[in-house]
N, C-alpha and C. Protein backbone atom coordinates (compact mmCIF):
# COMPACT_ATOMS: atom_id res chain seq x y z
N MET A 1 -9.44 30.52 14.37
CA MET A 1 -9.74 29.16 14.73
C MET A 1 -10.64 29.19 15.95
N GLY A 2 -11.59 28.28 16.04
CA GLY A 2 -12.48 28.24 17.17
C GLY A 2 -13.81 28.91 16.89
N LYS A 3 -13.98 29.33 15.65
CA LYS A 3 -15.20 30.05 15.33
C LYS A 3 -16.31 29.13 14.81
N THR A 4 -15.96 27.97 14.34
CA THR A 4 -16.96 27.09 13.74
C THR A 4 -17.69 26.29 14.81
N GLU A 5 -18.88 25.86 14.43
CA GLU A 5 -19.69 25.07 15.35
C GLU A 5 -19.08 23.69 15.59
N GLN A 6 -18.49 23.12 14.54
CA GLN A 6 -17.85 21.81 14.69
C GLN A 6 -16.68 21.87 15.68
N PHE A 7 -15.92 22.97 15.63
CA PHE A 7 -14.79 23.12 16.55
C PHE A 7 -15.28 23.27 17.99
N ARG A 8 -16.33 24.04 18.20
CA ARG A 8 -16.87 24.19 19.56
C ARG A 8 -17.40 22.86 20.09
N ASP A 9 -18.10 22.10 19.22
CA ASP A 9 -18.60 20.79 19.65
C ASP A 9 -17.45 19.83 19.96
N ALA A 10 -16.43 19.83 19.13
CA ALA A 10 -15.29 18.96 19.37
C ALA A 10 -14.56 19.34 20.65
N SER A 11 -14.43 20.63 20.91
CA SER A 11 -13.78 21.08 22.15
C SER A 11 -14.57 20.65 23.36
N LYS A 12 -15.90 20.75 23.30
CA LYS A 12 -16.74 20.35 24.42
C LYS A 12 -16.65 18.84 24.67
N ILE A 13 -16.66 18.05 23.59
CA ILE A 13 -16.53 16.59 23.72
C ILE A 13 -15.17 16.24 24.32
N LEU A 14 -14.11 16.89 23.86
CA LEU A 14 -12.78 16.64 24.39
C LEU A 14 -12.69 17.01 25.86
N ALA A 15 -13.24 18.16 26.24
CA ALA A 15 -13.21 18.58 27.64
C ALA A 15 -13.99 17.61 28.53
N ASP A 16 -15.15 17.14 28.07
CA ASP A 16 -15.93 16.16 28.84
C ASP A 16 -15.18 14.84 28.99
N ALA A 17 -14.55 14.38 27.90
CA ALA A 17 -13.80 13.12 27.97
C ALA A 17 -12.61 13.25 28.91
N LEU A 18 -11.91 14.38 28.87
CA LEU A 18 -10.78 14.58 29.78
C LEU A 18 -11.23 14.65 31.23
N GLN A 19 -12.38 15.28 31.48
CA GLN A 19 -12.90 15.35 32.85
C GLN A 19 -13.27 13.96 33.36
N LYS A 20 -13.90 13.16 32.52
CA LYS A 20 -14.24 11.78 32.92
C LYS A 20 -12.97 10.98 33.18
N TYR A 21 -11.96 11.15 32.33
CA TYR A 21 -10.69 10.44 32.51
C TYR A 21 -10.02 10.85 33.82
N ALA A 22 -10.04 12.16 34.10
CA ALA A 22 -9.43 12.64 35.34
C ALA A 22 -10.17 12.10 36.56
N ASP A 23 -11.49 12.04 36.51
CA ASP A 23 -12.27 11.49 37.62
C ASP A 23 -11.97 10.01 37.83
N VAL A 24 -11.86 9.25 36.74
CA VAL A 24 -11.56 7.82 36.85
C VAL A 24 -10.17 7.61 37.46
N MET A 25 -9.18 8.36 36.99
CA MET A 25 -7.82 8.24 37.53
C MET A 25 -7.77 8.66 38.99
N TYR A 26 -8.51 9.72 39.35
CA TYR A 26 -8.55 10.19 40.74
C TYR A 26 -9.13 9.11 41.64
N ASN A 27 -10.22 8.47 41.20
CA ASN A 27 -10.84 7.41 42.00
C ASN A 27 -9.99 6.14 42.01
N LEU A 28 -9.33 5.82 40.90
CA LEU A 28 -8.54 4.60 40.80
C LEU A 28 -7.31 4.65 41.71
N TYR A 29 -6.64 5.80 41.76
CA TYR A 29 -5.42 5.92 42.54
C TYR A 29 -5.63 6.64 43.88
N GLY A 30 -6.87 6.79 44.28
CA GLY A 30 -7.17 7.37 45.59
C GLY A 30 -6.73 8.81 45.75
N GLY A 31 -6.87 9.59 44.74
CA GLY A 31 -6.52 11.01 44.82
C GLY A 31 -5.07 11.29 44.53
N ASN A 32 -4.26 10.28 44.16
CA ASN A 32 -2.84 10.47 43.89
C ASN A 32 -2.55 10.47 42.39
N ALA A 33 -3.36 11.11 41.61
CA ALA A 33 -3.17 11.15 40.15
C ALA A 33 -3.21 12.59 39.67
N VAL A 34 -2.40 12.85 38.66
CA VAL A 34 -2.37 14.17 38.04
C VAL A 34 -2.65 13.98 36.55
N VAL A 35 -3.60 14.72 36.02
CA VAL A 35 -3.91 14.71 34.59
C VAL A 35 -3.56 16.07 34.04
N GLU A 36 -2.71 16.08 33.02
CA GLU A 36 -2.25 17.34 32.46
C GLU A 36 -2.58 17.40 30.98
N LEU A 37 -2.95 18.56 30.51
CA LEU A 37 -3.28 18.77 29.10
C LEU A 37 -2.37 19.85 28.55
N VAL A 38 -1.76 19.57 27.42
CA VAL A 38 -0.88 20.52 26.76
C VAL A 38 -1.54 20.95 25.47
N THR A 39 -1.62 22.24 25.23
CA THR A 39 -2.21 22.74 23.98
C THR A 39 -1.14 23.44 23.16
N VAL A 40 -1.35 23.45 21.86
CA VAL A 40 -0.41 24.06 20.93
C VAL A 40 -1.15 25.12 20.13
N ARG A 41 -0.54 26.28 20.01
CA ARG A 41 -1.19 27.38 19.28
C ARG A 41 -1.11 27.20 17.76
N SER A 42 0.02 26.73 17.25
CA SER A 42 0.16 26.58 15.81
C SER A 42 0.53 25.14 15.50
N PHE A 43 0.13 24.68 14.34
CA PHE A 43 0.37 23.33 13.92
C PHE A 43 1.37 23.32 12.78
N ASP A 44 2.18 22.27 12.73
CA ASP A 44 3.07 22.06 11.60
C ASP A 44 2.22 21.52 10.45
N THR A 45 2.20 22.22 9.35
CA THR A 45 1.32 21.81 8.25
C THR A 45 1.74 20.50 7.61
N SER A 46 3.00 20.08 7.79
CA SER A 46 3.41 18.81 7.21
C SER A 46 2.80 17.63 7.95
N LEU A 47 2.36 17.83 9.19
CA LEU A 47 1.75 16.77 9.96
C LEU A 47 0.23 16.73 9.83
N MET A 48 -0.33 17.72 9.17
CA MET A 48 -1.79 17.78 9.06
C MET A 48 -2.28 16.84 7.98
N ARG A 49 -3.48 16.37 8.14
CA ARG A 49 -4.09 15.47 7.17
C ARG A 49 -4.55 16.26 5.95
N LYS A 50 -4.19 15.75 4.80
CA LYS A 50 -4.57 16.43 3.56
C LYS A 50 -5.78 15.73 2.96
N THR A 51 -6.74 16.49 2.52
CA THR A 51 -7.95 15.92 1.93
C THR A 51 -8.16 16.54 0.55
N LYS A 52 -8.91 15.85 -0.24
CA LYS A 52 -9.27 16.34 -1.58
C LYS A 52 -10.78 16.23 -1.74
N THR A 53 -11.32 17.13 -2.47
CA THR A 53 -12.73 17.06 -2.81
C THR A 53 -12.86 17.22 -4.31
N ILE A 54 -14.01 16.86 -4.84
CA ILE A 54 -14.21 17.00 -6.28
C ILE A 54 -14.35 18.47 -6.68
N LEU A 55 -14.54 19.35 -5.70
CA LEU A 55 -14.64 20.77 -6.01
C LEU A 55 -13.27 21.37 -6.31
N GLU A 56 -12.20 20.67 -5.95
CA GLU A 56 -10.85 21.19 -6.14
C GLU A 56 -10.20 20.73 -7.43
N THR A 57 -10.94 20.17 -8.35
CA THR A 57 -10.34 19.68 -9.59
C THR A 57 -9.82 20.84 -10.41
N LYS A 58 -8.71 20.60 -11.08
CA LYS A 58 -8.12 21.65 -11.92
C LYS A 58 -8.90 21.73 -13.23
N GLN A 59 -8.99 22.91 -13.74
CA GLN A 59 -9.65 23.12 -15.02
C GLN A 59 -8.71 22.69 -16.13
N VAL A 60 -9.17 21.77 -16.94
CA VAL A 60 -8.36 21.24 -18.03
C VAL A 60 -8.67 22.02 -19.30
N LYS A 61 -7.61 22.38 -20.01
CA LYS A 61 -7.78 23.17 -21.23
C LYS A 61 -8.22 22.31 -22.41
N ASP A 62 -8.06 20.98 -22.32
CA ASP A 62 -8.41 20.10 -23.41
C ASP A 62 -9.93 19.96 -23.48
N PRO A 63 -10.55 20.37 -24.57
CA PRO A 63 -12.02 20.30 -24.64
C PRO A 63 -12.55 18.87 -24.80
N LEU A 64 -11.68 17.92 -25.18
CA LEU A 64 -12.15 16.54 -25.35
C LEU A 64 -12.41 15.87 -24.00
N THR A 65 -11.65 16.23 -22.97
CA THR A 65 -11.84 15.65 -21.64
C THR A 65 -11.94 16.77 -20.60
N PRO A 66 -13.04 17.47 -20.54
CA PRO A 66 -13.14 18.60 -19.60
C PRO A 66 -13.38 18.17 -18.15
N TYR A 67 -13.68 16.91 -17.92
CA TYR A 67 -14.05 16.48 -16.56
C TYR A 67 -12.95 15.69 -15.85
N ASN A 68 -11.75 15.66 -16.41
CA ASN A 68 -10.62 14.98 -15.80
C ASN A 68 -10.94 13.51 -15.53
N LEU A 69 -11.46 12.84 -16.55
CA LEU A 69 -11.85 11.44 -16.42
C LEU A 69 -10.69 10.52 -16.72
N ALA A 70 -10.81 9.28 -16.27
CA ALA A 70 -9.79 8.28 -16.56
C ALA A 70 -9.91 7.87 -18.03
N TYR A 71 -8.87 7.18 -18.52
CA TYR A 71 -8.89 6.74 -19.91
C TYR A 71 -9.96 5.67 -20.10
N LYS A 72 -10.42 5.53 -21.30
CA LYS A 72 -11.47 4.57 -21.60
C LYS A 72 -10.96 3.15 -21.43
N TYR A 73 -11.83 2.26 -21.02
CA TYR A 73 -11.49 0.87 -20.77
C TYR A 73 -11.18 0.18 -22.08
N ASN A 74 -10.07 -0.53 -22.13
CA ASN A 74 -9.67 -1.25 -23.31
C ASN A 74 -10.15 -2.70 -23.16
N PHE A 75 -10.95 -3.17 -24.09
CA PHE A 75 -11.53 -4.50 -23.99
C PHE A 75 -10.52 -5.61 -24.29
N GLU A 76 -9.34 -5.25 -24.76
CA GLU A 76 -8.30 -6.24 -24.98
C GLU A 76 -7.48 -6.49 -23.72
N TYR A 77 -7.74 -5.80 -22.65
CA TYR A 77 -6.99 -5.96 -21.41
C TYR A 77 -7.04 -7.40 -20.88
N PRO A 78 -8.22 -8.04 -20.79
CA PRO A 78 -8.23 -9.42 -20.28
C PRO A 78 -7.45 -10.39 -21.17
N VAL A 79 -7.46 -10.15 -22.46
CA VAL A 79 -6.74 -11.02 -23.39
C VAL A 79 -5.24 -10.89 -23.17
N VAL A 80 -4.76 -9.67 -23.09
CA VAL A 80 -3.33 -9.43 -22.88
C VAL A 80 -2.91 -9.97 -21.52
N PHE A 81 -3.73 -9.73 -20.51
CA PHE A 81 -3.42 -10.23 -19.17
C PHE A 81 -3.31 -11.76 -19.17
N SER A 82 -4.26 -12.42 -19.82
CA SER A 82 -4.25 -13.88 -19.87
C SER A 82 -3.03 -14.40 -20.61
N LEU A 83 -2.69 -13.77 -21.72
CA LEU A 83 -1.49 -14.19 -22.47
C LEU A 83 -0.23 -14.04 -21.63
N VAL A 84 -0.06 -12.90 -21.02
CA VAL A 84 1.14 -12.67 -20.22
C VAL A 84 1.18 -13.62 -19.04
N LEU A 85 0.05 -13.83 -18.39
CA LEU A 85 0.00 -14.72 -17.23
C LEU A 85 0.42 -16.14 -17.59
N TRP A 86 -0.17 -16.70 -18.62
CA TRP A 86 0.13 -18.10 -18.96
C TRP A 86 1.51 -18.27 -19.56
N ILE A 87 2.00 -17.28 -20.28
CA ILE A 87 3.38 -17.35 -20.78
C ILE A 87 4.36 -17.33 -19.61
N MET A 88 4.11 -16.48 -18.62
CA MET A 88 5.00 -16.42 -17.46
C MET A 88 4.94 -17.71 -16.65
N ILE A 89 3.75 -18.29 -16.49
CA ILE A 89 3.64 -19.57 -15.78
C ILE A 89 4.37 -20.67 -16.55
N GLY A 90 4.21 -20.70 -17.87
CA GLY A 90 4.91 -21.69 -18.69
C GLY A 90 6.41 -21.54 -18.61
N LEU A 91 6.92 -20.30 -18.67
CA LEU A 91 8.36 -20.08 -18.57
C LEU A 91 8.89 -20.47 -17.19
N ALA A 92 8.13 -20.18 -16.14
CA ALA A 92 8.56 -20.55 -14.79
C ALA A 92 8.62 -22.07 -14.64
N LEU A 93 7.60 -22.76 -15.15
CA LEU A 93 7.62 -24.23 -15.08
C LEU A 93 8.76 -24.82 -15.90
N THR A 94 9.02 -24.26 -17.07
CA THR A 94 10.14 -24.72 -17.90
C THR A 94 11.46 -24.54 -17.17
N LEU A 95 11.63 -23.40 -16.52
CA LEU A 95 12.86 -23.14 -15.77
C LEU A 95 13.01 -24.12 -14.61
N ILE A 96 11.93 -24.38 -13.90
CA ILE A 96 11.98 -25.32 -12.77
C ILE A 96 12.34 -26.73 -13.25
N VAL A 97 11.70 -27.19 -14.33
CA VAL A 97 12.00 -28.53 -14.85
C VAL A 97 13.43 -28.61 -15.35
N THR A 98 13.92 -27.59 -16.04
CA THR A 98 15.29 -27.59 -16.54
C THR A 98 16.29 -27.62 -15.39
N CYS A 99 16.06 -26.80 -14.37
CA CYS A 99 16.96 -26.78 -13.22
C CYS A 99 16.95 -28.13 -12.50
N TYR A 100 15.79 -28.71 -12.33
CA TYR A 100 15.68 -30.02 -11.66
C TYR A 100 16.46 -31.09 -12.43
N ASN A 101 16.32 -31.09 -13.74
CA ASN A 101 17.04 -32.08 -14.55
C ASN A 101 18.55 -31.85 -14.53
N MET A 102 18.98 -30.60 -14.49
CA MET A 102 20.41 -30.34 -14.44
C MET A 102 20.99 -30.72 -13.08
N TRP A 103 20.24 -30.50 -12.01
CA TRP A 103 20.73 -30.87 -10.68
C TRP A 103 20.88 -32.39 -10.54
N ASN A 104 20.03 -33.14 -11.19
CA ASN A 104 20.05 -34.59 -11.07
C ASN A 104 20.76 -35.28 -12.24
N MET A 105 21.55 -34.53 -12.99
CA MET A 105 22.20 -35.09 -14.16
C MET A 105 23.53 -35.74 -13.76
N ASP A 106 23.80 -36.86 -14.36
CA ASP A 106 25.09 -37.52 -14.21
C ASP A 106 25.91 -37.18 -15.45
N PRO A 107 26.98 -36.40 -15.31
CA PRO A 107 27.71 -35.92 -16.49
C PRO A 107 28.29 -37.04 -17.35
N GLU A 108 28.69 -38.16 -16.74
CA GLU A 108 29.28 -39.22 -17.55
C GLU A 108 28.26 -39.92 -18.43
N ASN A 109 27.06 -40.09 -17.94
CA ASN A 109 26.06 -40.85 -18.69
C ASN A 109 25.07 -39.98 -19.46
N ASP A 110 24.79 -38.80 -18.97
CA ASP A 110 23.71 -37.99 -19.56
C ASP A 110 24.18 -36.90 -20.50
N SER A 111 25.43 -36.59 -20.52
CA SER A 111 25.89 -35.46 -21.32
C SER A 111 26.50 -35.94 -22.63
N ILE A 112 26.19 -35.27 -23.71
CA ILE A 112 26.74 -35.63 -25.02
C ILE A 112 28.18 -35.19 -25.15
N ILE A 113 28.61 -34.22 -24.35
CA ILE A 113 29.99 -33.73 -24.42
C ILE A 113 30.95 -34.83 -23.99
N TYR A 114 30.65 -35.49 -22.88
CA TYR A 114 31.55 -36.53 -22.39
C TYR A 114 31.49 -37.79 -23.26
N ARG A 115 30.37 -38.02 -23.91
CA ARG A 115 30.29 -39.19 -24.80
C ARG A 115 31.17 -39.00 -26.03
N MET A 116 31.21 -37.78 -26.55
CA MET A 116 31.98 -37.53 -27.77
C MET A 116 33.47 -37.51 -27.50
N THR A 117 33.90 -37.09 -26.32
CA THR A 117 35.33 -36.97 -26.05
C THR A 117 35.95 -38.26 -25.51
N ASN A 118 35.13 -39.20 -25.10
CA ASN A 118 35.62 -40.43 -24.49
C ASN A 118 35.65 -41.55 -25.55
N GLN A 119 36.47 -41.38 -26.57
CA GLN A 119 36.57 -42.39 -27.62
C GLN A 119 37.68 -43.38 -27.28
N LYS A 120 37.35 -44.64 -27.46
CA LYS A 120 38.35 -45.70 -27.18
C LYS A 120 39.12 -45.98 -28.48
N ILE A 121 40.38 -46.03 -28.36
CA ILE A 121 41.21 -46.24 -29.54
C ILE A 121 41.59 -47.71 -29.64
């Protein structure tokens, strides 16, 4: 580590930024500031950022799709989406209207059960 040009440039930028920060803190607090830098020799790989490139694609044995492409677009998708959407909206509205009517129902006057059982002799 430390052999690449990008790493040397990043180290120089970091050192310059830390020096500027230390100078600002020194001037801000009148010389009563301490700036400390802690370095780590090894990194936990679970905390490192994982990246992917197109060069890392796995070789697929299937000759029909050698480039690991997505499935072909189905032109019936908008039709199915529209059907499901409007059916769900219709069912939701039906449920809301039914619940509203049941909440505001008067069992003596609106229900057929009480009309049939309340026979006068």
